[in-house]
Amino acid sequence: MLESTAEQKNQVRKQCRQIRQALMEPFREQASHAICIHIANWPIFQDAQVILAYMPVKAEVDLRSLLEDHPKKNWVLPRIESETDRNMSFHTYDPRQLVRHRFGMDEPAASLPVVSPAEIQLALVPGLAYDRCGWRLGYGGGYYDRFLSTFSGVSLGVTFNDLLLESLPHGEFDVPMKWLVTEKGLAAAQISRPL
């Protein structure tokens, strides 16, 4: 019997979590620093003013130094509004006003100014893994897929090179990234369908 896409994703998620857990903290720090440099040198980043980032959780790539080194950018962070509807809102980044979500990540306080998704020019999107066509393996919540389904800006998938795979299972509601970055460099996704 053929496995469903969800079952395939769960199997790959387990494997990818093991891969990421095997990456030692000094390596993750060095790789995160290299990724921040690649992004900072990217013309699309340099031109963008309103940029969606994230606070790292579960050994994700840490982009905080990028935010600190470019304070003139209008940084935006996601905040989970409804776990039932899987909706996020987007708020101005203020490092002094972060709140720990029960999932473990820091979010912007609800009192911070709300930013419309239409204003976001560049989205730096975390993922457990990506493939070379830009498909993303998240944690199964669907929050980013809901946002990306109507996002008209540039999306950049952020991951470690060990988690950039040749292919990933994906379903009808998944949205591929336009660009990918790892510690090895930044490149356009090998698009397998029109974006």
C-alpha atoms as a PDB file:
ATOM      1  CA  MET A   1       0.000   0.000   0.000  1.00  0.00           C
ATOM      2  CA  LEU A   2       1.311   3.442  -0.935  1.00  0.00           C
ATOM      3  CA  GLU A   3       2.176   5.744   1.924  1.00  0.00           C
ATOM      4  CA  SER A   4       0.392   9.070   2.145  1.00  0.00           C
ATOM      5  CA  THR A   5       2.381  12.287   1.760  1.00  0.00           C
ATOM      6  CA  ALA A   6       1.819  12.959   5.472  1.00  0.00           C
ATOM      7  CA  GLU A   7       3.286   9.563   6.405  1.00  0.00           C
ATOM      8  CA  GLN A   8       6.256  10.119   4.111  1.00  0.00           C
ATOM      9  CA  LYS A   9       6.855  13.540   5.654  1.00  0.00           C
ATOM     10  CA  ASN A  10       6.737  12.118   9.182  1.00  0.00           C
ATOM     11  CA  GLN A  11       9.376   9.528   8.299  1.00  0.00           C
ATOM     12  CA  VAL A  12      11.648  12.140   6.704  1.00  0.00           C
ATOM     13  CA  ARG A  13      11.071  14.495   9.653  1.00  0.00           C
ATOM     14  CA  LYS A  14      12.355  11.837  12.036  1.00  0.00           C
ATOM     15  CA  GLN A  15      15.482  11.305   9.922  1.00  0.00           C
ATOM     16  CA  CYS A  16      16.103  15.050   9.564  1.00  0.00           C
ATOM     17  CA  ARG A  17      15.737  15.648  13.299  1.00  0.00           C
ATOM     18  CA  GLN A  18      18.431  13.020  13.880  1.00  0.00           C
ATOM     19  CA  ILE A  19      20.705  14.687  11.320  1.00  0.00           C
ATOM     20  CA  ARG A  20      20.255  18.102  12.924  1.00  0.00           C
ATOM     21  CA  GLN A  21      20.737  16.785  16.454  1.00  0.00           C
ATOM     22  CA  ALA A  22      24.068  15.326  15.309  1.00  0.00           C
ATOM     23  CA  LEU A  23      25.293  18.797  14.304  1.00  0.00           C
ATOM     24  CA  MET A  24      27.344  20.053  17.234  1.00  0.00           C
ATOM     25  CA  GLU A  25      26.700  23.533  18.637  1.00  0.00           C
ATOM     26  CA  PRO A  26      30.092  24.986  17.526  1.00  0.00           C
ATOM     27  CA  PHE A  27      29.347  23.864  13.967  1.00  0.00           C
ATOM     28  CA  ARG A  28      25.829  25.313  14.079  1.00  0.00           C
ATOM     29  CA  GLU A  29      27.219  28.635  15.317  1.00  0.00           C
ATOM     30  CA  GLN A  30      29.841  28.797  12.558  1.00  0.00           C
ATOM     31  CA  ALA A  31      27.357  27.730   9.897  1.00  0.00           C
ATOM     32  CA  SER A  32      24.777  30.264  11.111  1.00  0.00           C
ATOM     33  CA  HIS A  33      27.418  33.002  10.923  1.00  0.00           C
ATOM     34  CA  ALA A  34      28.330  31.977   7.364  1.00  0.00           C
ATOM     35  CA  ILE A  35      24.649  31.972   6.366  1.00  0.00           C
ATOM     36  CA  CYS A  36      24.202  35.479   7.771  1.00  0.00           C
ATOM     37  CA  ILE A  37      27.168  36.675   5.678  1.00  0.00           C
ATOM     38  CA  HIS A  38      25.744  35.087   2.511  1.00  0.00           C
ATOM     39  CA  ILE A  39      22.409  36.806   3.107  1.00  0.00           C
ATOM     40  CA  ALA A  40      24.018  40.168   3.935  1.00  0.00           C
ATOM     41  CA  ASN A  41      25.978  40.100   0.647  1.00  0.00           C
ATOM     42  CA  TRP A  42      22.896  39.245  -1.419  1.00  0.00           C
ATOM     43  CA  PRO A  43      21.615  42.149  -3.572  1.00  0.00           C
ATOM     44  CA  ILE A  44      17.974  41.201  -2.927  1.00  0.00           C
ATOM     45  CA  PHE A  45      18.579  41.504   0.823  1.00  0.00           C
ATOM     46  CA  GLN A  46      20.443  44.769   0.376  1.00  0.00           C
ATOM     47  CA  ASP A  47      17.529  46.246  -1.585  1.00  0.00           C
ATOM     48  CA  ALA A  48      14.773  44.988   0.718  1.00  0.00           C
ATOM     49  CA  GLN A  49      13.567  47.219   3.532  1.00  0.00           C
ATOM     50  CA  VAL A  50      10.817  45.153   5.182  1.00  0.00           C
ATOM     51  CA  ILE A  51      12.128  41.672   5.996  1.00  0.00           C
ATOM     52  CA  LEU A  52      10.456  38.781   7.785  1.00  0.00           C
ATOM     53  CA  ALA A  53      12.847  36.834  10.009  1.00  0.00           C
ATOM     54  CA  TYR A  54      12.381  34.387  12.905  1.00  0.00           C
ATOM     55  CA  MET A  55      13.826  33.544  16.295  1.00  0.00           C
ATOM     56  CA  PRO A  56      15.594  30.148  16.277  1.00  0.00           C
ATOM     57  CA  VAL A  57      14.188  27.108  18.053  1.00  0.00           C
ATOM     58  CA  LYS A  58      15.231  23.438  18.175  1.00  0.00           C
ATOM     59  CA  ALA A  59      18.765  24.063  16.830  1.00  0.00           C
ATOM     60  CA  GLU A  60      17.572  26.022  13.779  1.00  0.00           C
ATOM     61  CA  VAL A  61      19.896  28.343  11.891  1.00  0.00           C
ATOM     62  CA  ASP A  62      20.383  31.410  14.099  1.00  0.00           C
ATOM     63  CA  LEU A  63      19.927  34.695  12.191  1.00  0.00           C
ATOM     64  CA  ARG A  64      20.026  37.026  15.197  1.00  0.00           C
ATOM     65  CA  SER A  65      23.415  38.488  14.270  1.00  0.00           C
ATOM     66  CA  LEU A  66      21.982  39.487  10.879  1.00  0.00           C
ATOM     67  CA  LEU A  67      19.236  41.455  12.615  1.00  0.00           C
ATOM     68  CA  GLU A  68      21.751  43.066  14.982  1.00  0.00           C
ATOM     69  CA  ASP A  69      24.170  43.995  12.173  1.00  0.00           C
ATOM     70  CA  HIS A  70      21.467  45.634  10.044  1.00  0.00           C
ATOM     71  CA  PRO A  71      19.406  47.746  12.456  1.00  0.00           C
ATOM     72  CA  LYS A  72      18.176  50.085   9.700  1.00  0.00           C
ATOM     73  CA  LYS A  73      16.145  47.308   8.101  1.00  0.00           C
ATOM     74  CA  ASN A  74      12.491  47.069   9.108  1.00  0.00           C
ATOM     75  CA  TRP A  75      12.608  43.633  10.694  1.00  0.00           C
ATOM     76  CA  VAL A  76       9.372  41.714  11.221  1.00  0.00           C
ATOM     77  CA  LEU A  77       8.734  38.553  13.256  1.00  0.00           C
ATOM     78  CA  PRO A  78       5.812  36.109  13.125  1.00  0.00           C
ATOM     79  CA  ARG A  79       3.471  35.539  16.030  1.00  0.00           C
ATOM     80  CA  ILE A  80       1.097  32.574  16.215  1.00  0.00           C
ATOM     81  CA  GLU A  81      -2.391  34.027  16.532  1.00  0.00           C
ATOM     82  CA  SER A  82      -4.485  30.877  16.317  1.00  0.00           C
ATOM     83  CA  GLU A  83      -3.292  27.312  16.683  1.00  0.00           C
ATOM     84  CA  THR A  84      -6.729  26.173  15.511  1.00  0.00           C
ATOM     85  CA  ASP A  85      -6.721  28.188  12.281  1.00  0.00           C
ATOM     86  CA  ARG A  86      -2.909  28.030  11.987  1.00  0.00           C
ATOM     87  CA  ASN A  87      -2.674  31.764  11.396  1.00  0.00           C
ATOM     88  CA  MET A  88       0.288  34.027  12.099  1.00  0.00           C
ATOM     89  CA  SER A  89       0.359  37.771  12.535  1.00  0.00           C
ATOM     90  CA  PHE A  90       3.463  39.829  11.834  1.00  0.00           C
ATOM     91  CA  HIS A  91       4.905  42.438  14.160  1.00  0.00           C
ATOM     92  CA  THR A  92       7.796  44.874  14.269  1.00  0.00           C
ATOM     93  CA  TYR A  93      10.895  43.311  15.848  1.00  0.00           C
ATOM     94  CA  ASP A  94      11.997  44.664  19.214  1.00  0.00           C
ATOM     95  CA  PRO A  95      14.557  42.469  21.030  1.00  0.00           C
ATOM     96  CA  ARG A  96      13.337  43.883  24.366  1.00  0.00           C
ATOM     97  CA  GLN A  97       9.774  42.734  23.744  1.00  0.00           C
ATOM     98  CA  LEU A  98       9.925  39.020  22.994  1.00  0.00           C
ATOM     99  CA  VAL A  99       7.600  36.481  24.574  1.00  0.00           C
ATOM    100  CA  ARG A 100       8.284  32.729  24.811  1.00  0.00           C
ATOM    101  CA  HIS A 101       5.606  30.671  23.024  1.00  0.00           C
ATOM    102  CA  ARG A 102       4.721  27.245  24.378  1.00  0.00           C
ATOM    103  CA  PHE A 103       6.284  25.724  21.220  1.00  0.00           C
ATOM    104  CA  GLY A 104       9.622  27.088  22.498  1.00  0.00           C
ATOM    105  CA  MET A 105      10.333  30.025  20.175  1.00  0.00           C
ATOM    106  CA  ASP A 106      10.439  33.707  21.069  1.00  0.00           C
ATOM    107  CA  GLU A 107       7.678  35.786  19.483  1.00  0.00           C
ATOM    108  CA  PRO A 108       7.053  39.527  19.345  1.00  0.00           C
ATOM    109  CA  ALA A 109       4.743  40.868  22.042  1.00  0.00           C
ATOM    110  CA  ALA A 110       1.160  41.298  20.815  1.00  0.00           C
ATOM    111  CA  SER A 111       1.366  45.012  21.666  1.00  0.00           C
ATOM    112  CA  LEU A 112       4.046  45.663  19.022  1.00  0.00           C
ATOM    113  CA  PRO A 113       2.902  47.275  15.733  1.00  0.00           C
ATOM    114  CA  VAL A 114       1.302  44.871  13.258  1.00  0.00           C
ATOM    115  CA  VAL A 115       2.813  44.696   9.769  1.00  0.00           C
ATOM    116  CA  SER A 116       0.680  43.675   6.793  1.00  0.00           C
ATOM    117  CA  PRO A 117       2.030  40.658   4.865  1.00  0.00           C
ATOM    118  CA  ALA A 118       1.689  42.810   1.728  1.00  0.00           C
ATOM    119  CA  GLU A 119       4.438  45.092   3.083  1.00  0.00           C
ATOM    120  CA  ILE A 120       6.960  42.265   3.509  1.00  0.00           C
ATOM    121  CA  GLN A 121       9.456  42.245   0.636  1.00  0.00           C
ATOM    122  CA  LEU A 122      11.683  39.353   1.710  1.00  0.00           C
ATOM    123  CA  ALA A 123      10.813  36.364   3.903  1.00  0.00           C
ATOM    124  CA  LEU A 124      13.607  34.381   5.568  1.00  0.00           C
ATOM    125  CA  VAL A 125      11.866  31.079   6.196  1.00  0.00           C
ATOM    126  CA  PRO A 126      13.090  28.414   8.638  1.00  0.00           C
ATOM    127  CA  GLY A 127      12.658  24.759   7.837  1.00  0.00           C
ATOM    128  CA  LEU A 128      13.677  21.407   9.217  1.00  0.00           C
ATOM    129  CA  ALA A 129      14.910  20.579   5.706  1.00  0.00           C
ATOM    130  CA  TYR A 130      14.660  21.771   2.096  1.00  0.00           C
ATOM    131  CA  ASP A 131      15.245  20.189  -1.258  1.00  0.00           C
ATOM    132  CA  ARG A 132      16.944  21.725  -4.280  1.00  0.00           C
ATOM    133  CA  CYS A 133      13.602  22.549  -5.901  1.00  0.00           C
ATOM    134  CA  GLY A 134      12.725  24.734  -2.917  1.00  0.00           C
ATOM    135  CA  TRP A 135      10.261  22.385  -1.219  1.00  0.00           C
ATOM    136  CA  ARG A 136      10.210  22.816   2.541  1.00  0.00           C
ATOM    137  CA  LEU A 137       9.808  20.290   5.324  1.00  0.00           C
ATOM    138  CA  GLY A 138       8.475  22.093   8.385  1.00  0.00           C
ATOM    139  CA  TYR A 139       7.176  20.744  11.673  1.00  0.00           C
ATOM    140  CA  GLY A 140       3.721  19.901  10.367  1.00  0.00           C
ATOM    141  CA  GLY A 141       1.792  22.935  11.573  1.00  0.00           C
ATOM    142  CA  GLY A 142       1.197  24.521   8.183  1.00  0.00           C
ATOM    143  CA  TYR A 143       1.635  28.097   9.477  1.00  0.00           C
ATOM    144  CA  TYR A 144       4.232  29.125   6.912  1.00  0.00           C
ATOM    145  CA  ASP A 145       2.425  27.360   4.046  1.00  0.00           C
ATOM    146  CA  ARG A 146      -0.697  29.388   4.808  1.00  0.00           C
ATOM    147  CA  PHE A 147       1.335  32.617   4.780  1.00  0.00           C
ATOM    148  CA  LEU A 148       3.381  31.705   1.690  1.00  0.00           C
ATOM    149  CA  SER A 149       0.311  30.738  -0.342  1.00  0.00           C
ATOM    150  CA  THR A 150      -0.535  34.432  -0.758  1.00  0.00           C
ATOM    151  CA  PHE A 151       2.937  35.983  -0.289  1.00  0.00           C
ATOM    152  CA  SER A 152       4.054  38.022  -3.304  1.00  0.00           C
ATOM    153  CA  GLY A 153       7.577  38.898  -2.148  1.00  0.00           C
ATOM    154  CA  VAL A 154      10.812  36.898  -2.338  1.00  0.00           C
ATOM    155  CA  SER A 155      11.085  33.767  -0.173  1.00  0.00           C
ATOM    156  CA  LEU A 156      14.448  32.429   1.020  1.00  0.00           C
ATOM    157  CA  GLY A 157      14.609  28.985   2.620  1.00  0.00           C
ATOM    158  CA  VAL A 158      17.212  28.849   5.410  1.00  0.00           C
ATOM    159  CA  THR A 159      18.831  25.575   6.486  1.00  0.00           C
ATOM    160  CA  PHE A 160      22.100  23.767   7.106  1.00  0.00           C
ATOM    161  CA  ASN A 161      23.725  22.119   4.090  1.00  0.00           C
ATOM    162  CA  ASP A 162      23.348  18.650   5.662  1.00  0.00           C
ATOM    163  CA  LEU A 163      19.581  19.241   5.502  1.00  0.00           C
ATOM    164  CA  LEU A 164      19.477  20.355   1.871  1.00  0.00           C
ATOM    165  CA  LEU A 165      18.216  17.153   0.255  1.00  0.00           C
ATOM    166  CA  GLU A 166      17.764  16.054  -3.343  1.00  0.00           C
ATOM    167  CA  SER A 167      13.998  15.714  -2.976  1.00  0.00           C
ATOM    168  CA  LEU A 168      11.266  15.933  -0.347  1.00  0.00           C
ATOM    169  CA  PRO A 169       7.677  14.703  -0.323  1.00  0.00           C
ATOM    170  CA  HIS A 170       5.219  17.567  -0.809  1.00  0.00           C
ATOM    171  CA  GLY A 171       1.487  18.014  -1.050  1.00  0.00           C
ATOM    172  CA  GLU A 172      -0.959  20.308  -2.775  1.00  0.00           C
ATOM    173  CA  PHE A 173      -0.831  22.974  -0.049  1.00  0.00           C
ATOM    174  CA  ASP A 174       2.973  23.150   0.136  1.00  0.00           C
ATOM    175  CA  VAL A 175       4.656  26.218  -1.337  1.00  0.00           C
ATOM    176  CA  PRO A 176       8.261  26.025  -2.612  1.00  0.00           C
ATOM    177  CA  MET A 177      10.848  28.701  -1.860  1.00  0.00           C
ATOM    178  CA  LYS A 178      12.265  30.831  -4.653  1.00  0.00           C
ATOM    179  CA  TRP A 179      15.779  30.850  -3.155  1.00  0.00           C
ATOM    180  CA  LEU A 180      17.785  28.694  -0.737  1.00  0.00           C
ATOM    181  CA  VAL A 181      20.731  29.430   1.546  1.00  0.00           C
ATOM    182  CA  THR A 182      23.051  27.179   3.548  1.00  0.00           C
ATOM    183  CA  GLU A 183      26.519  27.731   4.963  1.00  0.00           C
ATOM    184  CA  LYS A 184      27.838  26.695   1.516  1.00  0.00           C
ATOM    185  CA  GLY A 185      26.145  29.586  -0.287  1.00  0.00           C
ATOM    186  CA  LEU A 186      22.951  31.024  -1.717  1.00  0.00           C
ATOM    187  CA  ALA A 187      21.222  29.939  -4.937  1.00  0.00           C
ATOM    188  CA  ALA A 188      17.927  30.046  -6.764  1.00  0.00           C
ATOM    189  CA  ALA A 189      15.765  26.973  -6.247  1.00  0.00           C
ATOM    190  CA  GLN A 190      15.738  24.521  -9.158  1.00  0.00           C
ATOM    191  CA  ILE A 191      12.105  25.241  -9.791  1.00  0.00           C
ATOM    192  CA  SER A 192      10.073  22.164 -10.617  1.00  0.00           C
ATOM    193  CA  ARG A 193       6.868  24.069 -11.314  1.00  0.00           C
ATOM    194  CA  PRO A 194       5.900  27.689 -12.004  1.00  0.00           C
ATOM    195  CA  LEU A 195       6.059  29.949  -8.944  1.00  0.00           C
END
